[in-house]
C-alpha atoms as a PDB file:
ATOM      1  CA  UNK A   1     147.708  60.514  70.110  1.00  0.00           C
ATOM      2  CA  UNK A   2     144.073  61.169  70.745  1.00  0.00           C
ATOM      3  CA  UNK A   3     142.854  60.667  74.326  1.00  0.00           C
ATOM      4  CA  UNK A   4     140.179  58.012  74.980  1.00  0.00           C
ATOM      5  CA  UNK A   5     136.708  59.420  74.392  1.00  0.00           C
ATOM      6  CA  UNK A   6     138.014  62.604  72.720  1.00  0.00           C
ATOM      7  CA  UNK A   7     136.115  61.832  69.521  1.00  0.00           C
ATOM      8  CA  UNK A   8     132.887  61.246  71.405  1.00  0.00           C
ATOM      9  CA  UNK A   9     133.353  64.470  73.450  1.00  0.00           C
ATOM     10  CA  UNK A  10     134.084  66.470  70.307  1.00  0.00           C
ATOM     11  CA  UNK A  11     130.957  65.060  68.712  1.00  0.00           C
ATOM     12  CA  UNK A  12     128.868  66.092  71.686  1.00  0.00           C
ATOM     13  CA  UNK A  13     130.433  69.561  71.741  1.00  0.00           C
ATOM     14  CA  UNK A  14     129.867  70.004  68.018  1.00  0.00           C
ATOM     15  CA  UNK A  15     126.236  68.926  68.359  1.00  0.00           C
ATOM     16  CA  UNK A  16     125.735  71.252  71.345  1.00  0.00           C
ATOM     17  CA  UNK A  17     127.332  74.093  69.390  1.00  0.00           C
ATOM     18  CA  UNK A  18     125.083  73.476  66.414  1.00  0.00           C
ATOM     19  CA  UNK A  19     121.999  73.428  68.644  1.00  0.00           C
ATOM     20  CA  UNK A  20     123.156  76.622  70.392  1.00  0.00           C
ATOM     21  CA  UNK A  21     123.648  78.371  67.059  1.00  0.00           C
ATOM     22  CA  UNK A  22     120.286  77.169  65.848  1.00  0.00           C
ATOM     23  CA  UNK A  23     118.631  78.282  69.089  1.00  0.00           C
ATOM     24  CA  UNK A  24     120.378  81.656  68.915  1.00  0.00           C
ATOM     25  CA  UNK A  25     119.262  82.193  65.349  1.00  0.00           C
ATOM     26  CA  UNK A  26     115.716  81.307  66.298  1.00  0.00           C
ATOM     27  CA  UNK A  27     115.831  83.631  69.298  1.00  0.00           C
ATOM     28  CA  UNK A  28     117.110  86.495  67.161  1.00  0.00           C
ATOM     29  CA  UNK A  29     114.406  85.895  64.593  1.00  0.00           C
ATOM     30  CA  UNK A  30     111.471  85.538  66.994  1.00  0.00           C
ATOM     31  CA  UNK A  31     112.479  87.237  70.266  1.00  0.00           C
ATOM     32  CA  UNK A  32     112.923  90.911  71.001  1.00  0.00           C
ATOM     33  CA  UNK A  33     115.387  91.956  73.709  1.00  0.00           C
ATOM     34  CA  UNK A  34     115.438  94.950  76.063  1.00  0.00           C
ATOM     35  CA  UNK A  35     117.929  96.029  78.742  1.00  0.00           C
ATOM     36  CA  UNK A  36     116.268  97.230  81.950  1.00  0.00           C
ATOM     37  CA  UNK A  37     118.050  99.084  84.741  1.00  0.00           C
ATOM     38  CA  UNK A  38     116.820  98.368  88.273  1.00  0.00           C
ATOM     39  CA  UNK A  39     117.566 100.477  91.308  1.00  0.00           C
ATOM     40  CA  UNK A  40     118.488  98.382  94.340  1.00  0.00           C
ATOM     41  CA  UNK A  41     115.371  98.134  96.496  1.00  0.00           C
ATOM     42  CA  UNK A  42     113.097  99.510  93.772  1.00  0.00           C
ATOM     43  CA  UNK A  43     109.771  97.917  92.903  1.00  0.00           C
ATOM     44  CA  UNK A  44     110.592  97.576  89.197  1.00  0.00           C
ATOM     45  CA  UNK A  45     112.592  94.522  90.291  1.00  0.00           C
ATOM     46  CA  UNK A  46     109.333  93.014  91.587  1.00  0.00           C
ATOM     47  CA  UNK A  47     107.744  93.449  88.181  1.00  0.00           C
ATOM     48  CA  UNK A  48     110.652  92.161  86.092  1.00  0.00           C
ATOM     49  CA  UNK A  49     110.827  89.158  88.416  1.00  0.00           C
ATOM     50  CA  UNK A  50     107.086  88.589  87.909  1.00  0.00           C
ATOM     51  CA  UNK A  51     107.514  88.756  84.125  1.00  0.00           C
ATOM     52  CA  UNK A  52     109.777  85.723  84.384  1.00  0.00           C
ATOM     53  CA  UNK A  53     107.806  84.027  87.163  1.00  0.00           C
ATOM     54  CA  UNK A  54     104.579  84.019  85.145  1.00  0.00           C
ATOM     55  CA  UNK A  55     106.326  83.225  81.839  1.00  0.00           C
ATOM     56  CA  UNK A  56     105.127  86.472  80.268  1.00  0.00           C
ATOM     57  CA  UNK A  57     108.484  86.925  78.554  1.00  0.00           C
ATOM     58  CA  UNK A  58     108.005  83.602  76.749  1.00  0.00           C
ATOM     59  CA  UNK A  59     104.380  84.430  75.914  1.00  0.00           C
ATOM     60  CA  UNK A  60     105.349  87.701  74.258  1.00  0.00           C
ATOM     61  CA  UNK A  61     108.667  86.647  72.759  1.00  0.00           C
ATOM     62  CA  UNK A  62     110.546  89.203  74.838  1.00  0.00           C
ATOM     63  CA  UNK A  63     113.880  88.770  76.582  1.00  0.00           C
ATOM     64  CA  UNK A  64     114.209  91.117  79.562  1.00  0.00           C
ATOM     65  CA  UNK A  65     117.864  91.665  80.485  1.00  0.00           C
ATOM     66  CA  UNK A  66     117.606  93.191  83.969  1.00  0.00           C
ATOM     67  CA  UNK A  67     120.594  94.599  85.824  1.00  0.00           C
ATOM     68  CA  UNK A  68     120.562  96.098  89.323  1.00  0.00           C
ATOM     69  CA  UNK A  69     122.392  99.346  90.132  1.00  0.00           C
ATOM     70  CA  UNK A  70     123.263 100.657  93.585  1.00  0.00           C
ATOM     71  CA  UNK A  71     121.471 104.006  93.277  1.00  0.00           C
ATOM     72  CA  UNK A  72     119.144 106.047  91.120  1.00  0.00           C
ATOM     73  CA  UNK A  73     122.092 108.136  89.929  1.00  0.00           C
ATOM     74  CA  UNK A  74     123.803 104.926  88.794  1.00  0.00           C
ATOM     75  CA  UNK A  75     120.748 103.933  86.734  1.00  0.00           C
ATOM     76  CA  UNK A  76     120.812 107.367  85.078  1.00  0.00           C
ATOM     77  CA  UNK A  77     124.479 106.950  84.165  1.00  0.00           C
ATOM     78  CA  UNK A  78     123.705 103.507  82.724  1.00  0.00           C
ATOM     79  CA  UNK A  79     120.829 104.970  80.729  1.00  0.00           C
ATOM     80  CA  UNK A  80     122.982 107.717  79.301  1.00  0.00           C
ATOM     81  CA  UNK A  81     125.814 105.341  78.382  1.00  0.00           C
ATOM     82  CA  UNK A  82     123.435 102.903  76.701  1.00  0.00           C
ATOM     83  CA  UNK A  83     124.151 100.053  79.128  1.00  0.00           C
ATOM     84  CA  UNK A  84     120.434 100.053  79.830  1.00  0.00           C
ATOM     85  CA  UNK A  85     117.459 101.185  77.748  1.00  0.00           C
ATOM     86  CA  UNK A  86     114.689 101.575  80.346  1.00  0.00           C
ATOM     87  CA  UNK A  87     114.637 102.662  83.996  1.00  0.00           C
ATOM     88  CA  UNK A  88     112.084 104.087  86.430  1.00  0.00           C
ATOM     89  CA  UNK A  89     112.370 107.756  87.419  1.00  0.00           C
ATOM     90  CA  UNK A  90     110.102 110.520  88.669  1.00  0.00           C
ATOM     91  CA  UNK A  91     108.170 113.098  86.649  1.00  0.00           C
ATOM     92  CA  UNK A  92     110.459 116.021  87.515  1.00  0.00           C
ATOM     93  CA  UNK A  93     113.651 114.129  86.761  1.00  0.00           C
ATOM     94  CA  UNK A  94     112.607 113.367  83.184  1.00  0.00           C
ATOM     95  CA  UNK A  95     112.692 117.099  82.389  1.00  0.00           C
ATOM     96  CA  UNK A  96     115.984 117.505  84.270  1.00  0.00           C
ATOM     97  CA  UNK A  97     117.565 114.581  82.411  1.00  0.00           C
ATOM     98  CA  UNK A  98     116.618 116.019  79.035  1.00  0.00           C
ATOM     99  CA  UNK A  99     117.947 119.390  80.108  1.00  0.00           C
ATOM    100  CA  UNK A 100     121.315 117.710  80.753  1.00  0.00           C
ATOM    101  CA  UNK A 101     121.338 116.201  77.290  1.00  0.00           C
ATOM    102  CA  UNK A 102     120.002 112.736  78.147  1.00  0.00           C
ATOM    103  CA  UNK A 103     118.097 111.449  75.059  1.00  0.00           C
ATOM    104  CA  UNK A 104     115.175 110.025  77.061  1.00  0.00           C
ATOM    105  CA  UNK A 105     111.370 110.089  77.209  1.00  0.00           C
ATOM    106  CA  UNK A 106     108.803 109.024  79.822  1.00  0.00           C
ATOM    107  CA  UNK A 107     106.709 106.437  78.000  1.00  0.00           C
ATOM    108  CA  UNK A 108     104.299 105.089  80.633  1.00  0.00           C
ATOM    109  CA  UNK A 109     103.421 105.837  84.276  1.00  0.00           C
ATOM    110  CA  UNK A 110     104.767 103.236  86.681  1.00  0.00           C
ATOM    111  CA  UNK A 111     103.403 104.396  90.032  1.00  0.00           C
ATOM    112  CA  UNK A 112     101.025 107.007  91.397  1.00  0.00           C
ATOM    113  CA  UNK A 113     101.858 109.490  94.119  1.00  0.00           C
ATOM    114  CA  UNK A 114     100.781 107.521  97.208  1.00  0.00           C
ATOM    115  CA  UNK A 115     101.478 107.414 100.922  1.00  0.00           C
ATOM    116  CA  UNK A 116     100.974 110.400 103.182  1.00  0.00           C
ATOM    117  CA  UNK A 117     101.733 111.890 106.590  1.00  0.00           C
ATOM    118  CA  UNK A 118     102.139 109.290 109.362  1.00  0.00           C
ATOM    119  CA  UNK A 119     101.757 109.994 113.099  1.00  0.00           C
ATOM    120  CA  UNK A 120     101.617 107.794 116.219  1.00  0.00           C
ATOM    121  CA  UNK A 121      98.165 106.299 116.767  1.00  0.00           C
ATOM    122  CA  UNK A 122      97.910 108.009 120.183  1.00  0.00           C
ATOM    123  CA  UNK A 123      99.031 111.404 118.861  1.00  0.00           C
ATOM    124  CA  UNK A 124      96.787 114.419 119.445  1.00  0.00           C
ATOM    125  CA  UNK A 125      97.586 115.623 115.907  1.00  0.00           C
ATOM    126  CA  UNK A 126      94.338 115.445 113.917  1.00  0.00           C
ATOM    127  CA  UNK A 127      94.698 117.835 110.974  1.00  0.00           C
ATOM    128  CA  UNK A 128      97.456 119.414 108.915  1.00  0.00           C
ATOM    129  CA  UNK A 129      96.944 122.620 110.918  1.00  0.00           C
ATOM    130  CA  UNK A 130      98.177 120.742 114.001  1.00  0.00           C
ATOM    131  CA  UNK A 131     101.593 120.294 112.368  1.00  0.00           C
ATOM    132  CA  UNK A 132     102.450 123.958 112.943  1.00  0.00           C
ATOM    133  CA  UNK A 133     105.459 124.122 115.250  1.00  0.00           C
ATOM    134  CA  UNK A 134     106.026 120.360 115.199  1.00  0.00           C
ATOM    135  CA  UNK A 135     109.030 118.418 113.909  1.00  0.00           C
ATOM    136  CA  UNK A 136     108.332 116.543 110.672  1.00  0.00           C
ATOM    137  CA  UNK A 137     110.589 113.839 109.286  1.00  0.00           C
ATOM    138  CA  UNK A 138     111.119 113.812 105.504  1.00  0.00           C
ATOM    139  CA  UNK A 139     113.526 111.832 103.347  1.00  0.00           C
ATOM    140  CA  UNK A 140     114.710 115.036 101.630  1.00  0.00           C
ATOM    141  CA  UNK A 141     113.726 118.663 101.064  1.00  0.00           C
ATOM    142  CA  UNK A 142     112.707 117.741  97.515  1.00  0.00           C
ATOM    143  CA  UNK A 143     110.523 114.805  98.600  1.00  0.00           C
ATOM    144  CA  UNK A 144     107.346 115.056  96.519  1.00  0.00           C
ATOM    145  CA  UNK A 145     105.029 114.431  99.472  1.00  0.00           C
ATOM    146  CA  UNK A 146     106.760 117.187 101.455  1.00  0.00           C
ATOM    147  CA  UNK A 147     106.334 119.647  98.576  1.00  0.00           C
ATOM    148  CA  UNK A 148     102.695 118.610  98.331  1.00  0.00           C
ATOM    149  CA  UNK A 149     102.205 119.018 102.091  1.00  0.00           C
ATOM    150  CA  UNK A 150     103.764 122.483 101.950  1.00  0.00           C
ATOM    151  CA  UNK A 151     101.422 123.543  99.156  1.00  0.00           C
ATOM    152  CA  UNK A 152      98.391 122.175 101.025  1.00  0.00           C
ATOM    153  CA  UNK A 153      99.359 123.734 104.374  1.00  0.00           C
ATOM    154  CA  UNK A 154      99.892 127.133 102.793  1.00  0.00           C
ATOM    155  CA  UNK A 155      96.579 126.988 100.929  1.00  0.00           C
ATOM    156  CA  UNK A 156      94.407 125.463 103.666  1.00  0.00           C
ATOM    157  CA  UNK A 157      96.073 126.183 107.015  1.00  0.00           C
ATOM    158  CA  UNK A 158      97.926 129.435 106.395  1.00  0.00           C
ATOM    159  CA  UNK A 159     101.484 128.301 107.134  1.00  0.00           C
ATOM    160  CA  UNK A 160     104.489 126.728 105.437  1.00  0.00           C
ATOM    161  CA  UNK A 161     105.934 123.746 107.343  1.00  0.00           C
ATOM    162  CA  UNK A 162     109.412 124.736 106.167  1.00  0.00           C
ATOM    163  CA  UNK A 163     109.262 127.977 108.181  1.00  0.00           C
ATOM    164  CA  UNK A 164     106.534 127.455 110.813  1.00  0.00           C
ATOM    165  CA  UNK A 165     107.581 123.892 111.703  1.00  0.00           C
ATOM    166  CA  UNK A 166     110.872 122.007 111.741  1.00  0.00           C
ATOM    167  CA  UNK A 167     111.629 119.620 108.889  1.00  0.00           C
ATOM    168  CA  UNK A 168     114.265 117.014 109.743  1.00  0.00           C
ATOM    169  CA  UNK A 169     116.048 114.782 107.240  1.00  0.00           C
ATOM    170  CA  UNK A 170     115.272 111.201 108.261  1.00  0.00           C
ATOM    171  CA  UNK A 171     115.891 108.042 106.206  1.00  0.00           C
ATOM    172  CA  UNK A 172     112.595 106.311 105.509  1.00  0.00           C
ATOM    173  CA  UNK A 173     113.512 102.947 107.151  1.00  0.00           C
ATOM    174  CA  UNK A 174     114.356 104.698 110.445  1.00  0.00           C
ATOM    175  CA  UNK A 175     111.344 107.017 110.582  1.00  0.00           C
ATOM    176  CA  UNK A 176     109.502 104.713 112.974  1.00  0.00           C
ATOM    177  CA  UNK A 177     112.444 104.744 115.396  1.00  0.00           C
ATOM    178  CA  UNK A 178     112.657 108.547 115.364  1.00  0.00           C
ATOM    179  CA  UNK A 179     108.914 108.798 115.993  1.00  0.00           C
ATOM    180  CA  UNK A 180     109.021 106.235 118.812  1.00  0.00           C
ATOM    181  CA  UNK A 181     111.748 108.269 120.545  1.00  0.00           C
ATOM    182  CA  UNK A 182     109.709 111.442 120.119  1.00  0.00           C
ATOM    183  CA  UNK A 183     112.373 113.160 118.006  1.00  0.00           C
ATOM    184  CA  UNK A 184     109.782 113.761 115.296  1.00  0.00           C
ATOM    185  CA  UNK A 185     106.027 114.068 115.737  1.00  0.00           C
ATOM    186  CA  UNK A 186     105.084 113.226 112.132  1.00  0.00           C
ATOM    187  CA  UNK A 187     106.790 111.522 109.227  1.00  0.00           C
ATOM    188  CA  UNK A 188     106.625 111.233 105.452  1.00  0.00           C
ATOM    189  CA  UNK A 189     108.073 107.753 104.830  1.00  0.00           C
ATOM    190  CA  UNK A 190     108.171 105.946 101.512  1.00  0.00           C
ATOM    191  CA  UNK A 191     104.806 104.342 100.756  1.00  0.00           C
ATOM    192  CA  UNK A 192     105.858 100.795 101.688  1.00  0.00           C
ATOM    193  CA  UNK A 193     107.344 101.818 105.039  1.00  0.00           C
ATOM    194  CA  UNK A 194     104.199 103.842 105.781  1.00  0.00           C
ATOM    195  CA  UNK A 195     101.969 100.871 104.939  1.00  0.00           C
ATOM    196  CA  UNK A 196     103.965  98.662 107.299  1.00  0.00           C
ATOM    197  CA  UNK A 197     103.862 101.220 110.110  1.00  0.00           C
ATOM    198  CA  UNK A 198     100.086 101.701 109.884  1.00  0.00           C
ATOM    199  CA  UNK A 199      99.379  97.960 109.590  1.00  0.00           C
ATOM    200  CA  UNK A 200     100.964  97.330 112.985  1.00  0.00           C
ATOM    201  CA  UNK A 201      98.408  99.540 114.727  1.00  0.00           C
ATOM    202  CA  UNK A 202     100.916 101.823 116.471  1.00  0.00           C
ATOM    203  CA  UNK A 203     100.651 104.487 113.789  1.00  0.00           C
ATOM    204  CA  UNK A 204      97.954 106.054 111.640  1.00  0.00           C
ATOM    205  CA  UNK A 205      97.763 108.211 108.561  1.00  0.00           C
ATOM    206  CA  UNK A 206      97.061 111.847 109.358  1.00  0.00           C
ATOM    207  CA  UNK A 207      96.336 112.646 105.706  1.00  0.00           C
ATOM    208  CA  UNK A 208      96.942 110.771 102.464  1.00  0.00           C
ATOM    209  CA  UNK A 209      98.571 112.159  99.342  1.00  0.00           C
ATOM    210  CA  UNK A 210      95.214 111.699  97.591  1.00  0.00           C
ATOM    211  CA  UNK A 211      93.557 113.987 100.150  1.00  0.00           C
ATOM    212  CA  UNK A 212      96.372 116.518  99.780  1.00  0.00           C
ATOM    213  CA  UNK A 213      95.916 116.520  96.011  1.00  0.00           C
ATOM    214  CA  UNK A 214      92.134 116.863  96.234  1.00  0.00           C
ATOM    215  CA  UNK A 215      92.536 119.742  98.683  1.00  0.00           C
ATOM    216  CA  UNK A 216      94.578 121.566  96.058  1.00  0.00           C
ATOM    217  CA  UNK A 217      91.942 120.980  93.410  1.00  0.00           C
ATOM    218  CA  UNK A 218      93.975 118.278  91.673  1.00  0.00           C
ATOM    219  CA  UNK A 219      93.085 114.722  90.694  1.00  0.00           C
ATOM    220  CA  UNK A 220      94.091 112.194  93.394  1.00  0.00           C
ATOM    221  CA  UNK A 221      95.724 109.790  90.936  1.00  0.00           C
ATOM    222  CA  UNK A 222      98.716 111.789  89.664  1.00  0.00           C
ATOM    223  CA  UNK A 223     101.594 109.647  88.333  1.00  0.00           C
ATOM    224  CA  UNK A 224     104.835 110.034  90.293  1.00  0.00           C
ATOM    225  CA  UNK A 225     107.149 107.482  88.675  1.00  0.00           C
ATOM    226  CA  UNK A 226     107.469 106.665  84.979  1.00  0.00           C
ATOM    227  CA  UNK A 227     109.098 104.104  82.755  1.00  0.00           C
ATOM    228  CA  UNK A 228     111.812 106.243  81.151  1.00  0.00           C
ATOM    229  CA  UNK A 229     113.448 105.005  77.957  1.00  0.00           C
ATOM    230  CA  UNK A 230     116.249 106.055  75.666  1.00  0.00           C
ATOM    231  CA  UNK A 231     114.939 107.630  72.492  1.00  0.00           C
ATOM    232  CA  UNK A 232     116.874 105.158  70.341  1.00  0.00           C
ATOM    233  CA  UNK A 233     115.053 102.149  71.833  1.00  0.00           C
ATOM    234  CA  UNK A 234     113.074 100.207  69.245  1.00  0.00           C
ATOM    235  CA  UNK A 235     109.435 101.414  69.588  1.00  0.00           C
ATOM    236  CA  UNK A 236     107.958  97.957  68.979  1.00  0.00           C
ATOM    237  CA  UNK A 237     110.152  96.370  71.651  1.00  0.00           C
ATOM    238  CA  UNK A 238     109.369  99.179  74.074  1.00  0.00           C
ATOM    239  CA  UNK A 239     105.629  98.771  73.531  1.00  0.00           C
ATOM    240  CA  UNK A 240     106.014  95.027  74.129  1.00  0.00           C
ATOM    241  CA  UNK A 241     107.855  95.701  77.395  1.00  0.00           C
ATOM    242  CA  UNK A 242     105.079  98.036  78.573  1.00  0.00           C
ATOM    243  CA  UNK A 243     102.595  95.266  77.799  1.00  0.00           C
ATOM    244  CA  UNK A 244     104.699  92.780  79.788  1.00  0.00           C
ATOM    245  CA  UNK A 245     104.773  95.159  82.767  1.00  0.00           C
ATOM    246  CA  UNK A 246     100.987  95.602  82.733  1.00  0.00           C
ATOM    247  CA  UNK A 247     100.365  91.859  82.412  1.00  0.00           C
ATOM    248  CA  UNK A 248     102.768  91.158  85.281  1.00  0.00           C
ATOM    249  CA  UNK A 249     101.115  93.736  87.526  1.00  0.00           C
ATOM    250  CA  UNK A 250      97.668  92.311  86.814  1.00  0.00           C
ATOM    251  CA  UNK A 251      98.775  88.788  87.719  1.00  0.00           C
ATOM    252  CA  UNK A 252     100.637  90.044  90.791  1.00  0.00           C
ATOM    253  CA  UNK A 253      97.351  91.452  92.083  1.00  0.00           C
ATOM    254  CA  UNK A 254      95.758  88.008  92.161  1.00  0.00           C
ATOM    255  CA  UNK A 255      98.574  85.540  92.793  1.00  0.00           C
ATOM    256  CA  UNK A 256      99.591  84.834  96.403  1.00  0.00           C
ATOM    257  CA  UNK A 257     102.326  82.465  95.301  1.00  0.00           C
ATOM    258  CA  UNK A 258     104.264  85.174  93.532  1.00  0.00           C
ATOM    259  CA  UNK A 259     104.622  87.262  96.696  1.00  0.00           C
ATOM    260  CA  UNK A 260     105.932  84.284  98.630  1.00  0.00           C
ATOM    261  CA  UNK A 261     108.461  83.651  95.871  1.00  0.00           C
ATOM    262  CA  UNK A 262     109.421  87.323  95.695  1.00  0.00           C
ATOM    263  CA  UNK A 263     110.130  87.531  99.412  1.00  0.00           C
ATOM    264  CA  UNK A 264     112.027  84.241  99.322  1.00  0.00           C
ATOM    265  CA  UNK A 265     114.147  85.615  96.489  1.00  0.00           C
ATOM    266  CA  UNK A 266     115.080  88.571  98.708  1.00  0.00           C
ATOM    267  CA  UNK A 267     113.619  91.295  96.487  1.00  0.00           C
ATOM    268  CA  UNK A 268     112.104  92.925  99.565  1.00  0.00           C
ATOM    269  CA  UNK A 269     112.911  92.649 103.248  1.00  0.00           C
ATOM    270  CA  UNK A 270     109.707  92.181 105.234  1.00  0.00           C
ATOM    271  CA  UNK A 271     110.563  91.295 108.867  1.00  0.00           C
ATOM    272  CA  UNK A 272     106.917  90.650 109.785  1.00  0.00           C
ATOM    273  CA  UNK A 273     104.951  88.578 107.278  1.00  0.00           C
ATOM    274  CA  UNK A 274     101.716  89.822 108.881  1.00  0.00           C
ATOM    275  CA  UNK A 275     102.408  93.153 107.122  1.00  0.00           C
ATOM    276  CA  UNK A 276     102.280  91.571 103.662  1.00  0.00           C
ATOM    277  CA  UNK A 277      98.529  92.202 103.015  1.00  0.00           C
ATOM    278  CA  UNK A 278      98.959  95.917 103.817  1.00  0.00           C
ATOM    279  CA  UNK A 279     102.038  96.096 101.599  1.00  0.00           C
ATOM    280  CA  UNK A 280     100.216  94.450  98.704  1.00  0.00           C
ATOM    281  CA  UNK A 281      97.143  96.674  99.110  1.00  0.00           C
ATOM    282  CA  UNK A 282      99.231  99.865  99.137  1.00  0.00           C
ATOM    283  CA  UNK A 283     101.249  98.679  96.124  1.00  0.00           C
ATOM    284  CA  UNK A 284      98.051  97.946  94.177  1.00  0.00           C
ATOM    285  CA  UNK A 285      96.599 101.338  95.133  1.00  0.00           C
ATOM    286  CA  UNK A 286      99.594 102.974  93.470  1.00  0.00           C
ATOM    287  CA  UNK A 287      99.116 101.306  90.080  1.00  0.00           C
ATOM    288  CA  UNK A 288      98.118 103.773  87.335  1.00  0.00           C
ATOM    289  CA  UNK A 289      94.743 103.198  85.685  1.00  0.00           C
ATOM    290  CA  UNK A 290      95.874 104.328  82.230  1.00  0.00           C
ATOM    291  CA  UNK A 291      97.934 106.861  80.333  1.00  0.00           C
ATOM    292  CA  UNK A 292      96.474 109.837  78.491  1.00  0.00           C
ATOM    293  CA  UNK A 293      96.884 113.537  77.880  1.00  0.00           C
ATOM    294  CA  UNK A 294      94.650 114.152  80.920  1.00  0.00           C
ATOM    295  CA  UNK A 295      97.105 112.285  83.173  1.00  0.00           C
ATOM    296  CA  UNK A 296      99.960 114.355  81.787  1.00  0.00           C
ATOM    297  CA  UNK A 297      97.992 117.548  82.398  1.00  0.00           C
ATOM    298  CA  UNK A 298      97.453 116.540  86.047  1.00  0.00           C
ATOM    299  CA  UNK A 299     101.212 116.067  86.394  1.00  0.00           C
ATOM    300  CA  UNK A 300     101.785 119.487  84.819  1.00  0.00           C
ATOM    301  CA  UNK A 301      99.365 121.168  87.246  1.00  0.00           C
ATOM    302  CA  UNK A 302     101.013 119.475  90.234  1.00  0.00           C
ATOM    303  CA  UNK A 303     104.448 120.622  89.084  1.00  0.00           C
ATOM    304  CA  UNK A 304     103.215 124.217  88.860  1.00  0.00           C
ATOM    305  CA  UNK A 305     101.892 123.988  92.430  1.00  0.00           C
ATOM    306  CA  UNK A 306     105.232 122.658  93.677  1.00  0.00           C
ATOM    307  CA  UNK A 307     107.221 125.371  91.910  1.00  0.00           C
ATOM    308  CA  UNK A 308     104.817 128.009  93.220  1.00  0.00           C
ATOM    309  CA  UNK A 309     105.185 126.933  96.849  1.00  0.00           C
ATOM    310  CA  UNK A 310     108.803 125.764  97.035  1.00  0.00           C
ATOM    311  CA  UNK A 311     110.396 127.794  94.268  1.00  0.00           C
ATOM    312  CA  UNK A 312     112.326 126.636  91.214  1.00  0.00           C
ATOM    313  CA  UNK A 313     115.573 126.318  93.183  1.00  0.00           C
ATOM    314  CA  UNK A 314     114.114 123.625  95.461  1.00  0.00           C
ATOM    315  CA  UNK A 315     112.095 121.836  92.775  1.00  0.00           C
ATOM    316  CA  UNK A 316     115.013 122.018  90.355  1.00  0.00           C
ATOM    317  CA  UNK A 317     113.211 123.455  87.341  1.00  0.00           C
ATOM    318  CA  UNK A 318     111.064 126.370  86.256  1.00  0.00           C
ATOM    319  CA  UNK A 319     108.549 124.351  84.246  1.00  0.00           C
ATOM    320  CA  UNK A 320     107.743 120.789  83.249  1.00  0.00           C
ATOM    321  CA  UNK A 321     108.775 119.933  79.683  1.00  0.00           C
ATOM    322  CA  UNK A 322     105.699 118.125  78.340  1.00  0.00           C
ATOM    323  CA  UNK A 323     107.726 117.076  75.289  1.00  0.00           C
ATOM    324  CA  UNK A 324     109.553 114.710  77.636  1.00  0.00           C
ATOM    325  CA  UNK A 325     106.398 112.580  77.873  1.00  0.00           C
ATOM    326  CA  UNK A 326     104.919 110.328  75.193  1.00  0.00           C
ATOM    327  CA  UNK A 327     101.401 108.937  75.612  1.00  0.00           C
ATOM    328  CA  UNK A 328     101.560 106.762  72.487  1.00  0.00           C
ATOM    329  CA  UNK A 329     103.256 103.766  74.102  1.00  0.00           C
ATOM    330  CA  UNK A 330     100.099 102.003  75.107  1.00  0.00           C
ATOM    331  CA  UNK A 331      99.978  98.254  74.420  1.00  0.00           C
END
């Protein structure tokens, strides 16, 4: 015997199912979909969040399926398996990934090489030459800013910090604590930690990455991070995603409300809200201005400098594979 209301419930379910099927068919016909891998704590999550916040996905007819992974290695595994189609990775890693058989290409620069060497505001260190014999905190021996500093110091000050100074492995979030205790005299934190440290007034920038690059005869706006995509990703969808990223970044520049929403959502931990303007300014300074063969050539020249100073064993490769980069994915 049918339960009371069963007919009405079935009617509602059938109607809902029909609407869902109709909506799904419409979405398939008019909406492109892309799977994006986010590294926990990475700034690509800011941008994908902004794409939804500003309704850019609806404007462009693009569904962004974003999934967060615990580490950069995890995003690479997801990329190789096909669980995700696009991630952010650095310019050296693209060549390394292809060398390991990953079918991927860097399709658009995501962030410039920014940041620099941070010292206490009261420090008597004034130039790179003053770093000789001092202890420098770096996130790793392959940190791009450290390699850049080594190249600059060898060319301009006649010493290599790896041999004439002490380089200590220090996690970026704890660099301020190590410097406060005097265990390191200078640090190379991630750009956002550096911006926060300087904004508080207790620290200053000894030299920026732009100044290091210029000192080596290179352009100051060399891309560091790229949007890296599987080669089997639909080109039209990929181009649409690049457009969505650029639109989101442009609106993020101007919209105060987004940053409040982003922090409230927990996409970035900012203990002191007074540091937000410095964080935003440093983020905006790292946005690429475009994508051309000239930008790729600057990246190639920087790679050669790094290999020359640190050696292929430290850098991880003997040359940059320019075939791993595609400048045609401009919206």
